[in-house]
Amino acid sequence: MRQFLLDTLGLIGFGALNYGLFLRYGLADALIYGGALLLLLALAATRAAKRRAGEKERGT
C-alpha cells in the first residue's frame, strides 16, 4: 500500500510539473521535458532491477 501511495504521488507531481510547463512554454517543450524525465526514470528503474538481481544471486 505504501508503494502505491508513493507511485500515485509521484505521478501527480509529474503531471503537475508537465502541466505547468505546458502553460508556461507550450506543448512541444512540455512533451520534450516529460519524455526526457520518463526516459531517466526508466533507466533508473532498470539499473535498480539489475542491482537487486545481483544481490539475490550473491545471497545478500
PDB file of N, CA and C in Angstrom:
ATOM      1  N   MET A   1       0.823  -1.193   0.000  1.00  0.00           N
ATOM      2  CA  MET A   1       0.000   0.000   0.000  1.00  0.00           C
ATOM      3  C   MET A   1       0.869   1.260   0.000  1.00  0.00           C
ATOM      4  N   ARG A   2       1.969   1.195   0.740  1.00  0.00           N
ATOM      5  CA  ARG A   2       2.854   2.362   0.814  1.00  0.00           C
ATOM      6  C   ARG A   2       3.444   2.681  -0.566  1.00  0.00           C
ATOM      7  N   GLN A   3       3.842   1.633  -1.292  1.00  0.00           N
ATOM      8  CA  GLN A   3       4.422   1.836  -2.619  1.00  0.00           C
ATOM      9  C   GLN A   3       3.392   2.445  -3.579  1.00  0.00           C
ATOM     10  N   PHE A   4       2.140   1.979  -3.468  1.00  0.00           N
ATOM     11  CA  PHE A   4       1.074   2.519  -4.305  1.00  0.00           C
ATOM     12  C   PHE A   4       0.878   4.009  -4.040  1.00  0.00           C
ATOM     13  N   LEU A   5       0.900   4.393  -2.784  1.00  0.00           N
ATOM     14  CA  LEU A   5       0.737   5.801  -2.419  1.00  0.00           C
ATOM     15  C   LEU A   5       1.889   6.642  -2.970  1.00  0.00           C
ATOM     16  N   LEU A   6       3.100   6.145  -2.836  1.00  0.00           N
ATOM     17  CA  LEU A   6       4.261   6.893  -3.338  1.00  0.00           C
ATOM     18  C   LEU A   6       4.223   7.007  -4.863  1.00  0.00           C
ATOM     19  N   ASP A   7       3.821   5.925  -5.542  1.00  0.00           N
ATOM     20  CA  ASP A   7       3.708   5.973  -7.000  1.00  0.00           C
ATOM     21  C   ASP A   7       2.648   6.974  -7.437  1.00  0.00           C
ATOM     22  N   THR A   8       1.533   6.981  -6.738  1.00  0.00           N
ATOM     23  CA  THR A   8       0.452   7.909  -7.077  1.00  0.00           C
ATOM     24  C   THR A   8       0.887   9.357  -6.873  1.00  0.00           C
ATOM     25  N   LEU A   9       1.538   9.625  -5.757  1.00  0.00           N
ATOM     26  CA  LEU A   9       2.022  10.984  -5.508  1.00  0.00           C
ATOM     27  C   LEU A   9       3.075  11.399  -6.536  1.00  0.00           C
ATOM     28  N   GLY A  10       3.914  10.476  -6.918  1.00  0.00           N
ATOM     29  CA  GLY A  10       4.914  10.772  -7.942  1.00  0.00           C
ATOM     30  C   GLY A  10       4.276  11.107  -9.278  1.00  0.00           C
ATOM     31  N   LEU A  11       3.263  10.351  -9.670  1.00  0.00           N
ATOM     32  CA  LEU A  11       2.580  10.625 -10.934  1.00  0.00           C
ATOM     33  C   LEU A  11       1.832  11.952 -10.897  1.00  0.00           C
ATOM     34  N   ILE A  12       1.229  12.262  -9.768  1.00  0.00           N
ATOM     35  CA  ILE A  12       0.530  13.545  -9.631  1.00  0.00           C
ATOM     36  C   ILE A  12       1.527  14.696  -9.728  1.00  0.00           C
ATOM     37  N   GLY A  13       2.660  14.560  -9.069  1.00  0.00           N
ATOM     38  CA  GLY A  13       3.686  15.601  -9.142  1.00  0.00           C
ATOM     39  C   GLY A  13       4.237  15.767 -10.538  1.00  0.00           C
ATOM     40  N   PHE A  14       4.473  14.640 -11.216  1.00  0.00           N
ATOM     41  CA  PHE A  14       4.971  14.688 -12.588  1.00  0.00           C
ATOM     42  C   PHE A  14       3.956  15.359 -13.509  1.00  0.00           C
ATOM     43  N   GLY A  15       2.683  15.020 -13.324  1.00  0.00           N
ATOM     44  CA  GLY A  15       1.632  15.635 -14.133  1.00  0.00           C
ATOM     45  C   GLY A  15       1.513  17.136 -13.882  1.00  0.00           C
ATOM     46  N   ALA A  16       1.610  17.527 -12.623  1.00  0.00           N
ATOM     47  CA  ALA A  16       1.524  18.957 -12.296  1.00  0.00           C
ATOM     48  C   ALA A  16       2.710  19.720 -12.878  1.00  0.00           C
ATOM     49  N   LEU A  17       3.893  19.127 -12.813  1.00  0.00           N
ATOM     50  CA  LEU A  17       5.077  19.768 -13.373  1.00  0.00           C
ATOM     51  C   LEU A  17       4.932  19.944 -14.880  1.00  0.00           C
ATOM     52  N   ASN A  18       4.491  18.897 -15.564  1.00  0.00           N
ATOM     53  CA  ASN A  18       4.307  18.994 -17.011  1.00  0.00           C
ATOM     54  C   ASN A  18       3.208  19.985 -17.383  1.00  0.00           C
ATOM     55  N   TYR A  19       2.149  20.019 -16.608  1.00  0.00           N
ATOM     56  CA  TYR A  19       1.078  20.963 -16.899  1.00  0.00           C
ATOM     57  C   TYR A  19       1.562  22.404 -16.725  1.00  0.00           C
ATOM     58  N   GLY A  20       2.367  22.632 -15.704  1.00  0.00           N
ATOM     59  CA  GLY A  20       2.936  23.963 -15.515  1.00  0.00           C
ATOM     60  C   GLY A  20       3.840  24.360 -16.665  1.00  0.00           C
ATOM     61  N   LEU A  21       4.646  23.413 -17.133  1.00  0.00           N
ATOM     62  CA  LEU A  21       5.499  23.705 -18.292  1.00  0.00           C
ATOM     63  C   LEU A  21       4.660  23.974 -19.533  1.00  0.00           C
ATOM     64  N   PHE A  22       3.570  23.207 -19.689  1.00  0.00           N
ATOM     65  CA  PHE A  22       2.690  23.412 -20.831  1.00  0.00           C
ATOM     66  C   PHE A  22       2.090  24.819 -20.806  1.00  0.00           C
ATOM     67  N   LEU A  23       1.648  25.256 -19.633  1.00  0.00           N
ATOM     68  CA  LEU A  23       1.052  26.586 -19.529  1.00  0.00           C
ATOM     69  C   LEU A  23       2.089  27.684 -19.779  1.00  0.00           C
ATOM     70  N   ARG A  24       3.307  27.437 -19.336  1.00  0.00           N
ATOM     71  CA  ARG A  24       4.347  28.471 -19.439  1.00  0.00           C
ATOM     72  C   ARG A  24       4.992  28.515 -20.830  1.00  0.00           C
ATOM     73  N   TYR A  25       5.345  27.339 -21.383  1.00  0.00           N
ATOM     74  CA  TYR A  25       6.153  27.304 -22.603  1.00  0.00           C
ATOM     75  C   TYR A  25       5.462  26.676 -23.805  1.00  0.00           C
ATOM     76  N   GLY A  26       4.366  25.990 -23.621  1.00  0.00           N
ATOM     77  CA  GLY A  26       3.663  25.381 -24.734  1.00  0.00           C
ATOM     78  C   GLY A  26       3.826  23.867 -24.759  1.00  0.00           C
ATOM     79  N   LEU A  27       3.125  23.255 -25.695  1.00  0.00           N
ATOM     80  CA  LEU A  27       3.041  21.805 -25.747  1.00  0.00           C
ATOM     81  C   LEU A  27       4.366  21.142 -26.090  1.00  0.00           C
ATOM     82  N   ALA A  28       5.084  21.653 -27.065  1.00  0.00           N
ATOM     83  CA  ALA A  28       6.308  20.996 -27.518  1.00  0.00           C
ATOM     84  C   ALA A  28       7.343  20.888 -26.399  1.00  0.00           C
ATOM     85  N   ASP A  29       7.579  21.967 -25.698  1.00  0.00           N
ATOM     86  CA  ASP A  29       8.563  21.946 -24.613  1.00  0.00           C
ATOM     87  C   ASP A  29       8.133  21.026 -23.489  1.00  0.00           C
ATOM     88  N   ALA A  30       6.837  21.022 -23.165  1.00  0.00           N
ATOM     89  CA  ALA A  30       6.344  20.153 -22.095  1.00  0.00           C
ATOM     90  C   ALA A  30       6.505  18.687 -22.464  1.00  0.00           C
ATOM     91  N   LEU A  31       6.244  18.337 -23.723  1.00  0.00           N
ATOM     92  CA  LEU A  31       6.395  16.946 -24.145  1.00  0.00           C
ATOM     93  C   LEU A  31       7.863  16.516 -24.176  1.00  0.00           C
ATOM     94  N   ILE A  32       8.745  17.391 -24.604  1.00  0.00           N
ATOM     95  CA  ILE A  32      10.172  17.072 -24.614  1.00  0.00           C
ATOM     96  C   ILE A  32      10.672  16.853 -23.196  1.00  0.00           C
ATOM     97  N   TYR A  33      10.317  17.732 -22.289  1.00  0.00           N
ATOM     98  CA  TYR A  33      10.752  17.624 -20.899  1.00  0.00           C
ATOM     99  C   TYR A  33      10.163  16.369 -20.255  1.00  0.00           C
ATOM    100  N   GLY A  34       8.884  16.131 -20.480  1.00  0.00           N
ATOM    101  CA  GLY A  34       8.236  14.956 -19.906  1.00  0.00           C
ATOM    102  C   GLY A  34       8.836  13.662 -20.428  1.00  0.00           C
ATOM    103  N   GLY A  35       9.117  13.612 -21.713  1.00  0.00           N
ATOM    104  CA  GLY A  35       9.729  12.422 -22.297  1.00  0.00           C
ATOM    105  C   GLY A  35      11.123  12.170 -21.747  1.00  0.00           C
ATOM    106  N   ALA A  36      11.877  13.235 -21.558  1.00  0.00           N
ATOM    107  CA  ALA A  36      13.229  13.088 -21.008  1.00  0.00           C
ATOM    108  C   ALA A  36      13.178  12.582 -19.573  1.00  0.00           C
ATOM    109  N   LEU A  37      12.250  13.096 -18.770  1.00  0.00           N
ATOM    110  CA  LEU A  37      12.121  12.619 -17.391  1.00  0.00           C
ATOM    111  C   LEU A  37      11.676  11.164 -17.329  1.00  0.00           C
ATOM    112  N   LEU A  38      10.755  10.769 -18.202  1.00  0.00           N
ATOM    113  CA  LEU A  38      10.320   9.376 -18.206  1.00  0.00           C
ATOM    114  C   LEU A  38      11.443   8.448 -18.660  1.00  0.00           C
ATOM    115  N   LEU A  39      12.270   8.885 -19.591  1.00  0.00           N
ATOM    116  CA  LEU A  39      13.421   8.091 -20.015  1.00  0.00           C
ATOM    117  C   LEU A  39      14.397   7.915 -18.863  1.00  0.00           C
ATOM    118  N   LEU A  40      14.668   8.977 -18.125  1.00  0.00           N
ATOM    119  CA  LEU A  40      15.556   8.871 -16.962  1.00  0.00           C
ATOM    120  C   LEU A  40      14.964   7.947 -15.902  1.00  0.00           C
ATOM    121  N   LEU A  41      13.660   8.005 -15.706  1.00  0.00           N
ATOM    122  CA  LEU A  41      13.004   7.123 -14.749  1.00  0.00           C
ATOM    123  C   LEU A  41      13.145   5.662 -15.176  1.00  0.00           C
ATOM    124  N   ALA A  42      12.964   5.382 -16.456  1.00  0.00           N
ATOM    125  CA  ALA A  42      13.094   4.013 -16.945  1.00  0.00           C
ATOM    126  C   ALA A  42      14.526   3.508 -16.782  1.00  0.00           C
ATOM    127  N   LEU A  43      15.511   4.359 -17.059  1.00  0.00           N
ATOM    128  CA  LEU A  43      16.906   3.964 -16.881  1.00  0.00           C
ATOM    129  C   LEU A  43      17.225   3.681 -15.415  1.00  0.00           C
ATOM    130  N   ALA A  44      16.710   4.516 -14.529  1.00  0.00           N
ATOM    131  CA  ALA A  44      16.941   4.305 -13.091  1.00  0.00           C
ATOM    132  C   ALA A  44      16.269   3.026 -12.607  1.00  0.00           C
ATOM    133  N   ALA A  45      15.074   2.734 -13.097  1.00  0.00           N
ATOM    134  CA  ALA A  45      14.371   1.511 -12.701  1.00  0.00           C
ATOM    135  C   ALA A  45      15.108   0.280 -13.203  1.00  0.00           C
ATOM    136  N   THR A  46      15.643   0.333 -14.412  1.00  0.00           N
ATOM    137  CA  THR A  46      16.405  -0.782 -14.957  1.00  0.00           C
ATOM    138  C   THR A  46      17.667  -1.012 -14.149  1.00  0.00           C
ATOM    139  N   ARG A  47      18.328   0.058 -13.795  1.00  0.00           N
ATOM    140  CA  ARG A  47      19.556  -0.055 -13.000  1.00  0.00           C
ATOM    141  C   ARG A  47      19.267  -0.654 -11.621  1.00  0.00           C
ATOM    142  N   ALA A  48      18.173  -0.229 -11.007  1.00  0.00           N
ATOM    143  CA  ALA A  48      17.800  -0.758  -9.698  1.00  0.00           C
ATOM    144  C   ALA A  48      17.429  -2.239  -9.793  1.00  0.00           C
ATOM    145  N   ALA A  49      16.749  -2.636 -10.866  1.00  0.00           N
ATOM    146  CA  ALA A  49      16.372  -4.039 -11.037  1.00  0.00           C
ATOM    147  C   ALA A  49      17.606  -4.915 -11.222  1.00  0.00           C
ATOM    148  N   LYS A  50      18.585  -4.426 -11.975  1.00  0.00           N
ATOM    149  CA  LYS A  50      19.827  -5.181 -12.159  1.00  0.00           C
ATOM    150  C   LYS A  50      20.554  -5.329 -10.834  1.00  0.00           C
ATOM    151  N   ARG A  51      20.579  -4.279 -10.048  1.00  0.00           N
ATOM    152  CA  ARG A  51      21.263  -4.318  -8.757  1.00  0.00           C
ATOM    153  C   ARG A  51      20.580  -5.311  -7.816  1.00  0.00           C
ATOM    154  N   ARG A  52      19.239  -5.316  -7.820  1.00  0.00           N
ATOM    155  CA  ARG A  52      18.514  -6.241  -6.972  1.00  0.00           C
ATOM    156  C   ARG A  52      18.736  -7.681  -7.398  1.00  0.00           C
ATOM    157  N   ALA A  53      18.789  -7.925  -8.712  1.00  0.00           N
ATOM    158  CA  ALA A  53      19.015  -9.284  -9.219  1.00  0.00           C
ATOM    159  C   ALA A  53      20.412  -9.757  -8.821  1.00  0.00           C
ATOM    160  N   GLY A  54      21.406  -8.866  -8.859  1.00  0.00           N
ATOM    161  CA  GLY A  54      22.767  -9.213  -8.458  1.00  0.00           C
ATOM    162  C   GLY A  54      22.861  -9.543  -6.979  1.00  0.00           C
ATOM    163  N   GLU A  55      22.108  -8.836  -6.163  1.00  0.00           N
ATOM    164  CA  GLU A  55      22.104  -9.107  -4.723  1.00  0.00           C
ATOM    165  C   GLU A  55      21.461 -10.439  -4.414  1.00  0.00           C
ATOM    166  N   LYS A  56      20.438 -10.813  -5.159  1.00  0.00           N
ATOM    167  CA  LYS A  56      19.777 -12.103  -4.936  1.00  0.00           C
ATOM    168  C   LYS A  56      20.691 -13.262  -5.303  1.00  0.00           C
ATOM    169  N   GLU A  57      21.508 -13.085  -6.363  1.00  0.00           N
ATOM    170  CA  GLU A  57      22.434 -14.139  -6.775  1.00  0.00           C
ATOM    171  C   GLU A  57      23.509 -14.365  -5.712  1.00  0.00           C
ATOM    172  N   ARG A  58      23.965 -13.290  -5.104  1.00  0.00           N
ATOM    173  CA  ARG A  58      25.006 -13.405  -4.081  1.00  0.00           C
ATOM    174  C   ARG A  58      24.447 -13.879  -2.752  1.00  0.00           C
ATOM    175  N   GLY A  59      23.140 -13.764  -2.581  1.00  0.00           N
ATOM    176  CA  GLY A  59      22.511 -14.205  -1.339  1.00  0.00           C
ATOM    177  C   GLY A  59      22.542 -13.193  -0.222  1.00  0.00           C
ATOM    178  N   THR A  60      22.691 -11.916  -0.551  1.00  0.00           N
ATOM    179  CA  THR A  60      22.697 -10.879   0.492  1.00  0.00           C
ATOM    180  C   THR A  60      21.371 -10.170   0.550  1.00  0.00           C
TER     181      THR A  60
END
